[in-house]
């Protein structure tokens, strides 16, 4: 396979209600606002989202956005902010992570702003990312890896056509010390 950095990828993905685009310089303030609003929900599953245990500042959010922009351009990670198409408001984030370009396979990650939860934005975003992964990068396998107790995340995987392949019992330790079970969902290209 050709070097992934040579792949031309669209600058954004549009769904019915979302504009999904990589973070860029200047997005830190909006991202910080959404994260701070959502910290109690995000911190429920620290084994899956260890970055939310750290202090969240405008500066750290801006640093994330600038690094994310660089990583997207280098094809090391493909993060997207979820913006309401009509409002322009940041409603969450998602991305294709740990991509193995040789297979090719990738993992979908996502979170939604607390005040936008339950509105179907994550399901819409994941379906958009799946279409992007299958159609644009030619993924053969797409995974969603989630804490077994994160029922909302598991429902997203199931609504988006992913199959539960297994549960890894006591597979990782959360920052507070408890051992966590991990669910592995996958969706394969129809070939």
C-alpha atoms as a PDB file:
ATOM      1  CA  UNK A   1       0.000   0.000   0.000  1.00  0.00           C
ATOM      2  CA  UNK A   2       1.178   3.520  -0.760  1.00  0.00           C
ATOM      3  CA  UNK A   3       2.279   5.740   2.077  1.00  0.00           C
ATOM      4  CA  UNK A   4      -0.922   6.921   3.847  1.00  0.00           C
ATOM      5  CA  UNK A   5       0.291  10.520   3.896  1.00  0.00           C
ATOM      6  CA  UNK A   6      -0.108  10.520   0.105  1.00  0.00           C
ATOM      7  CA  UNK A   7      -3.815   9.686   0.380  1.00  0.00           C
ATOM      8  CA  UNK A   8      -6.119  12.558  -0.482  1.00  0.00           C
ATOM      9  CA  UNK A   9      -8.937  12.702   2.047  1.00  0.00           C
ATOM     10  CA  UNK A  10     -11.894  15.070   2.010  1.00  0.00           C
ATOM     11  CA  UNK A  11     -11.666  18.006   4.396  1.00  0.00           C
ATOM     12  CA  UNK A  12     -15.047  17.187   5.930  1.00  0.00           C
ATOM     13  CA  UNK A  13     -17.905  14.709   6.072  1.00  0.00           C
ATOM     14  CA  UNK A  14     -21.510  15.891   5.926  1.00  0.00           C
ATOM     15  CA  UNK A  15     -24.483  13.982   7.270  1.00  0.00           C
ATOM     16  CA  UNK A  16     -28.126  15.061   7.543  1.00  0.00           C
ATOM     17  CA  UNK A  17     -27.512  17.212  10.633  1.00  0.00           C
ATOM     18  CA  UNK A  18     -23.741  17.297  11.087  1.00  0.00           C
ATOM     19  CA  UNK A  19     -20.649  18.801   9.576  1.00  0.00           C
ATOM     20  CA  UNK A  20     -17.752  16.594  10.656  1.00  0.00           C
ATOM     21  CA  UNK A  21     -14.302  18.098  10.205  1.00  0.00           C
ATOM     22  CA  UNK A  22     -10.847  17.718  11.714  1.00  0.00           C
ATOM     23  CA  UNK A  23     -10.046  20.036  14.619  1.00  0.00           C
ATOM     24  CA  UNK A  24      -7.934  23.045  13.712  1.00  0.00           C
ATOM     25  CA  UNK A  25      -6.175  25.943  15.300  1.00  0.00           C
ATOM     26  CA  UNK A  26      -8.693  28.154  17.092  1.00  0.00           C
ATOM     27  CA  UNK A  27     -11.172  25.354  17.971  1.00  0.00           C
ATOM     28  CA  UNK A  28      -9.854  24.983  21.522  1.00  0.00           C
ATOM     29  CA  UNK A  29     -12.342  27.312  23.249  1.00  0.00           C
ATOM     30  CA  UNK A  30     -15.406  25.569  21.782  1.00  0.00           C
ATOM     31  CA  UNK A  31     -13.935  22.136  22.506  1.00  0.00           C
ATOM     32  CA  UNK A  32     -13.076  23.116  26.086  1.00  0.00           C
ATOM     33  CA  UNK A  33     -16.643  24.342  26.679  1.00  0.00           C
ATOM     34  CA  UNK A  34     -18.124  21.051  25.423  1.00  0.00           C
ATOM     35  CA  UNK A  35     -15.691  18.907  27.425  1.00  0.00           C
ATOM     36  CA  UNK A  36     -16.197  20.818  30.684  1.00  0.00           C
ATOM     37  CA  UNK A  37     -19.975  20.548  30.300  1.00  0.00           C
ATOM     38  CA  UNK A  38     -19.622  16.787  29.776  1.00  0.00           C
ATOM     39  CA  UNK A  39     -16.954  15.847  32.336  1.00  0.00           C
ATOM     40  CA  UNK A  40     -19.231  13.989  34.791  1.00  0.00           C
ATOM     41  CA  UNK A  41     -20.479  11.699  32.011  1.00  0.00           C
ATOM     42  CA  UNK A  42     -17.079  11.293  30.340  1.00  0.00           C
ATOM     43  CA  UNK A  43     -15.346  10.461  33.623  1.00  0.00           C
ATOM     44  CA  UNK A  44     -17.664   7.516  34.274  1.00  0.00           C
ATOM     45  CA  UNK A  45     -15.478   5.391  31.974  1.00  0.00           C
ATOM     46  CA  UNK A  46     -11.923   6.548  32.641  1.00  0.00           C
ATOM     47  CA  UNK A  47     -10.436   3.239  31.528  1.00  0.00           C
ATOM     48  CA  UNK A  48     -11.703   4.079  28.028  1.00  0.00           C
ATOM     49  CA  UNK A  49     -11.073   7.833  28.157  1.00  0.00           C
ATOM     50  CA  UNK A  50      -8.025   8.375  30.378  1.00  0.00           C
ATOM     51  CA  UNK A  51      -7.425  11.858  28.967  1.00  0.00           C
ATOM     52  CA  UNK A  52     -10.526  13.251  30.751  1.00  0.00           C
ATOM     53  CA  UNK A  53      -8.956  12.518  34.159  1.00  0.00           C
ATOM     54  CA  UNK A  54      -6.489  15.349  33.550  1.00  0.00           C
ATOM     55  CA  UNK A  55      -7.297  18.975  34.280  1.00  0.00           C
ATOM     56  CA  UNK A  56      -9.189  20.428  31.339  1.00  0.00           C
ATOM     57  CA  UNK A  57      -8.111  23.944  30.339  1.00  0.00           C
ATOM     58  CA  UNK A  58      -8.619  26.122  27.300  1.00  0.00           C
ATOM     59  CA  UNK A  59      -4.920  25.775  26.619  1.00  0.00           C
ATOM     60  CA  UNK A  60      -4.993  21.958  26.770  1.00  0.00           C
ATOM     61  CA  UNK A  61      -8.000  21.927  24.416  1.00  0.00           C
ATOM     62  CA  UNK A  62      -6.195  24.223  21.977  1.00  0.00           C
ATOM     63  CA  UNK A  63      -3.065  22.048  22.152  1.00  0.00           C
ATOM     64  CA  UNK A  64      -5.245  18.999  21.415  1.00  0.00           C
ATOM     65  CA  UNK A  65      -6.794  20.745  18.393  1.00  0.00           C
ATOM     66  CA  UNK A  66      -3.433  21.743  16.925  1.00  0.00           C
ATOM     67  CA  UNK A  67      -1.978  18.262  17.471  1.00  0.00           C
ATOM     68  CA  UNK A  68      -5.134  16.680  16.021  1.00  0.00           C
ATOM     69  CA  UNK A  69      -4.857  18.839  12.899  1.00  0.00           C
ATOM     70  CA  UNK A  70      -1.239  17.751  12.460  1.00  0.00           C
ATOM     71  CA  UNK A  71      -2.069  14.077  13.074  1.00  0.00           C
ATOM     72  CA  UNK A  72      -4.887  14.214  10.510  1.00  0.00           C
ATOM     73  CA  UNK A  73      -2.574  15.669   7.865  1.00  0.00           C
ATOM     74  CA  UNK A  74       0.051  13.003   8.618  1.00  0.00           C
ATOM     75  CA  UNK A  75      -2.677  10.281   8.616  1.00  0.00           C
ATOM     76  CA  UNK A  76      -1.543   9.115  12.100  1.00  0.00           C
ATOM     77  CA  UNK A  77      -5.052   9.678  13.511  1.00  0.00           C
ATOM     78  CA  UNK A  78      -8.282  10.859  11.877  1.00  0.00           C
ATOM     79  CA  UNK A  79     -10.190  12.927  14.472  1.00  0.00           C
ATOM     80  CA  UNK A  80     -13.340  14.897  13.700  1.00  0.00           C
ATOM     81  CA  UNK A  81     -15.336  17.525  15.562  1.00  0.00           C
ATOM     82  CA  UNK A  82     -19.113  17.185  15.245  1.00  0.00           C
ATOM     83  CA  UNK A  83     -20.732  20.514  14.424  1.00  0.00           C
ATOM     84  CA  UNK A  84     -24.449  21.110  14.004  1.00  0.00           C
ATOM     85  CA  UNK A  85     -24.970  21.991  10.328  1.00  0.00           C
ATOM     86  CA  UNK A  86     -27.518  24.676  11.116  1.00  0.00           C
ATOM     87  CA  UNK A  87     -26.179  25.992  14.423  1.00  0.00           C
ATOM     88  CA  UNK A  88     -22.430  25.451  14.000  1.00  0.00           C
ATOM     89  CA  UNK A  89     -22.378  24.381  17.669  1.00  0.00           C
ATOM     90  CA  UNK A  90     -19.887  21.707  18.687  1.00  0.00           C
ATOM     91  CA  UNK A  91     -21.989  18.705  19.730  1.00  0.00           C
ATOM     92  CA  UNK A  92     -19.218  16.149  20.217  1.00  0.00           C
ATOM     93  CA  UNK A  93     -16.245  14.448  18.651  1.00  0.00           C
ATOM     94  CA  UNK A  94     -15.458  11.193  16.903  1.00  0.00           C
ATOM     95  CA  UNK A  95     -12.668   9.728  14.904  1.00  0.00           C
ATOM     96  CA  UNK A  96     -10.877   6.826  13.318  1.00  0.00           C
ATOM     97  CA  UNK A  97      -8.062   5.769  15.597  1.00  0.00           C
ATOM     98  CA  UNK A  98      -5.253   3.205  15.649  1.00  0.00           C
ATOM     99  CA  UNK A  99      -5.610   2.727  11.905  1.00  0.00           C
ATOM    100  CA  UNK A 100      -3.528  -0.080  10.459  1.00  0.00           C
ATOM    101  CA  UNK A 101      -3.162   0.996   6.838  1.00  0.00           C
ATOM    102  CA  UNK A 102      -1.704  -2.373   5.806  1.00  0.00           C
ATOM    103  CA  UNK A 103      -4.887  -4.377   6.548  1.00  0.00           C
ATOM    104  CA  UNK A 104      -6.587  -1.738   6.424  1.00  0.00           C
ATOM    105  CA  UNK A 105      -8.522  -1.624   9.689  1.00  0.00           C
ATOM    106  CA  UNK A 106      -9.448   1.128  12.113  1.00  0.00           C
ATOM    107  CA  UNK A 107     -11.262   1.842  15.369  1.00  0.00           C
ATOM    108  CA  UNK A 108     -14.124   4.300  15.844  1.00  0.00           C
ATOM    109  CA  UNK A 109     -14.184   6.426  18.982  1.00  0.00           C
ATOM    110  CA  UNK A 110     -16.805   8.980  19.993  1.00  0.00           C
ATOM    111  CA  UNK A 111     -18.325  11.135  22.703  1.00  0.00           C
ATOM    112  CA  UNK A 112     -21.225  13.566  22.765  1.00  0.00           C
ATOM    113  CA  UNK A 113     -21.734  16.827  24.607  1.00  0.00           C
ATOM    114  CA  UNK A 114     -23.948  16.230  27.659  1.00  0.00           C
ATOM    115  CA  UNK A 115     -26.666  18.661  26.545  1.00  0.00           C
ATOM    116  CA  UNK A 116     -26.847  16.954  23.119  1.00  0.00           C
ATOM    117  CA  UNK A 117     -27.077  13.394  24.446  1.00  0.00           C
ATOM    118  CA  UNK A 118     -30.024  11.280  23.341  1.00  0.00           C
ATOM    119  CA  UNK A 119     -30.564  13.151  20.051  1.00  0.00           C
ATOM    120  CA  UNK A 120     -28.951  10.567  17.759  1.00  0.00           C
ATOM    121  CA  UNK A 121     -25.894  12.644  16.870  1.00  0.00           C
ATOM    122  CA  UNK A 122     -23.401   9.900  17.749  1.00  0.00           C
ATOM    123  CA  UNK A 123     -25.260   7.254  15.743  1.00  0.00           C
ATOM    124  CA  UNK A 124     -25.382   9.661  12.789  1.00  0.00           C
ATOM    125  CA  UNK A 125     -21.664  10.444  13.152  1.00  0.00           C
ATOM    126  CA  UNK A 126     -20.636   6.786  13.457  1.00  0.00           C
ATOM    127  CA  UNK A 127     -22.656   5.890  10.361  1.00  0.00           C
ATOM    128  CA  UNK A 128     -20.938   8.759   8.523  1.00  0.00           C
ATOM    129  CA  UNK A 129     -17.514   7.566   9.677  1.00  0.00           C
ATOM    130  CA  UNK A 130     -18.278   3.984   8.676  1.00  0.00           C
ATOM    131  CA  UNK A 131     -19.214   5.131   5.154  1.00  0.00           C
ATOM    132  CA  UNK A 132     -16.010   7.194   5.047  1.00  0.00           C
ATOM    133  CA  UNK A 133     -13.857   4.310   6.326  1.00  0.00           C
ATOM    134  CA  UNK A 134     -15.340   1.785   3.894  1.00  0.00           C
ATOM    135  CA  UNK A 135     -15.673   4.042   0.857  1.00  0.00           C
ATOM    136  CA  UNK A 136     -12.753   6.448   1.109  1.00  0.00           C
ATOM    137  CA  UNK A 137      -9.980   4.628   2.951  1.00  0.00           C
ATOM    138  CA  UNK A 138     -11.082   1.135   1.902  1.00  0.00           C
ATOM    139  CA  UNK A 139     -11.227  -0.322   5.406  1.00  0.00           C
ATOM    140  CA  UNK A 140     -11.825  -4.057   5.618  1.00  0.00           C
ATOM    141  CA  UNK A 141     -12.508  -4.022   9.360  1.00  0.00           C
ATOM    142  CA  UNK A 142     -13.853  -1.307  11.668  1.00  0.00           C
ATOM    143  CA  UNK A 143     -13.927  -1.784  15.434  1.00  0.00           C
ATOM    144  CA  UNK A 144     -15.689  -0.164  18.356  1.00  0.00           C
ATOM    145  CA  UNK A 145     -14.067  -0.974  21.694  1.00  0.00           C
ATOM    146  CA  UNK A 146     -16.036   0.012  24.776  1.00  0.00           C
ATOM    147  CA  UNK A 147     -16.379  -0.623  28.485  1.00  0.00           C
ATOM    148  CA  UNK A 148     -18.919  -3.412  29.081  1.00  0.00           C
ATOM    149  CA  UNK A 149     -20.883  -1.141  31.423  1.00  0.00           C
ATOM    150  CA  UNK A 150     -21.100   1.716  28.909  1.00  0.00           C
ATOM    151  CA  UNK A 151     -24.557   0.721  27.691  1.00  0.00           C
ATOM    152  CA  UNK A 152     -25.074   3.896  25.639  1.00  0.00           C
ATOM    153  CA  UNK A 153     -21.898   3.239  23.660  1.00  0.00           C
ATOM    154  CA  UNK A 154     -22.835  -0.401  23.179  1.00  0.00           C
ATOM    155  CA  UNK A 155     -26.267   0.618  21.829  1.00  0.00           C
ATOM    156  CA  UNK A 156     -24.576   2.921  19.299  1.00  0.00           C
ATOM    157  CA  UNK A 157     -22.437   0.017  18.075  1.00  0.00           C
ATOM    158  CA  UNK A 158     -25.490  -2.210  17.704  1.00  0.00           C
ATOM    159  CA  UNK A 159     -27.595   0.482  15.961  1.00  0.00           C
ATOM    160  CA  UNK A 160     -24.756   1.020  13.477  1.00  0.00           C
ATOM    161  CA  UNK A 161     -24.599  -2.645  12.470  1.00  0.00           C
ATOM    162  CA  UNK A 162     -21.557  -3.734  14.484  1.00  0.00           C
ATOM    163  CA  UNK A 163     -21.372  -7.306  15.796  1.00  0.00           C
ATOM    164  CA  UNK A 164     -20.232  -8.094  19.324  1.00  0.00           C
ATOM    165  CA  UNK A 165     -17.250 -10.408  18.766  1.00  0.00           C
ATOM    166  CA  UNK A 166     -16.342 -10.875  22.384  1.00  0.00           C
ATOM    167  CA  UNK A 167     -15.923  -9.534  25.895  1.00  0.00           C
ATOM    168  CA  UNK A 168     -12.440  -9.367  27.325  1.00  0.00           C
ATOM    169  CA  UNK A 169     -12.964  -9.937  31.033  1.00  0.00           C
ATOM    170  CA  UNK A 170     -10.939  -7.894  33.527  1.00  0.00           C
ATOM    171  CA  UNK A 171      -8.891  -6.697  30.582  1.00  0.00           C
ATOM    172  CA  UNK A 172      -7.786  -3.279  31.849  1.00  0.00           C
ATOM    173  CA  UNK A 173      -7.486  -1.312  35.040  1.00  0.00           C
ATOM    174  CA  UNK A 174      -9.305   1.978  35.511  1.00  0.00           C
ATOM    175  CA  UNK A 175      -7.374   4.854  37.118  1.00  0.00           C
ATOM    176  CA  UNK A 176      -9.215   4.327  40.413  1.00  0.00           C
ATOM    177  CA  UNK A 177      -8.000   0.703  40.462  1.00  0.00           C
ATOM    178  CA  UNK A 178     -11.010  -1.376  39.415  1.00  0.00           C
ATOM    179  CA  UNK A 179     -10.642  -4.002  36.710  1.00  0.00           C
ATOM    180  CA  UNK A 180     -12.876  -3.424  33.696  1.00  0.00           C
ATOM    181  CA  UNK A 181     -14.413  -5.695  31.056  1.00  0.00           C
ATOM    182  CA  UNK A 182     -14.065  -4.568  27.454  1.00  0.00           C
ATOM    183  CA  UNK A 183     -16.474  -5.262  24.592  1.00  0.00           C
ATOM    184  CA  UNK A 184     -15.070  -5.688  21.084  1.00  0.00           C
ATOM    185  CA  UNK A 185     -17.525  -4.865  18.294  1.00  0.00           C
ATOM    186  CA  UNK A 186     -16.641  -5.082  14.612  1.00  0.00           C
ATOM    187  CA  UNK A 187     -18.081  -4.378  11.225  1.00  0.00           C
ATOM    188  CA  UNK A 188     -16.545  -5.830   8.070  1.00  0.00           C
ATOM    189  CA  UNK A 189     -16.560  -4.570   4.516  1.00  0.00           C
ATOM    190  CA  UNK A 190     -19.117  -6.334   2.326  1.00  0.00           C
ATOM    191  CA  UNK A 191     -16.968  -7.786  -0.436  1.00  0.00           C
END
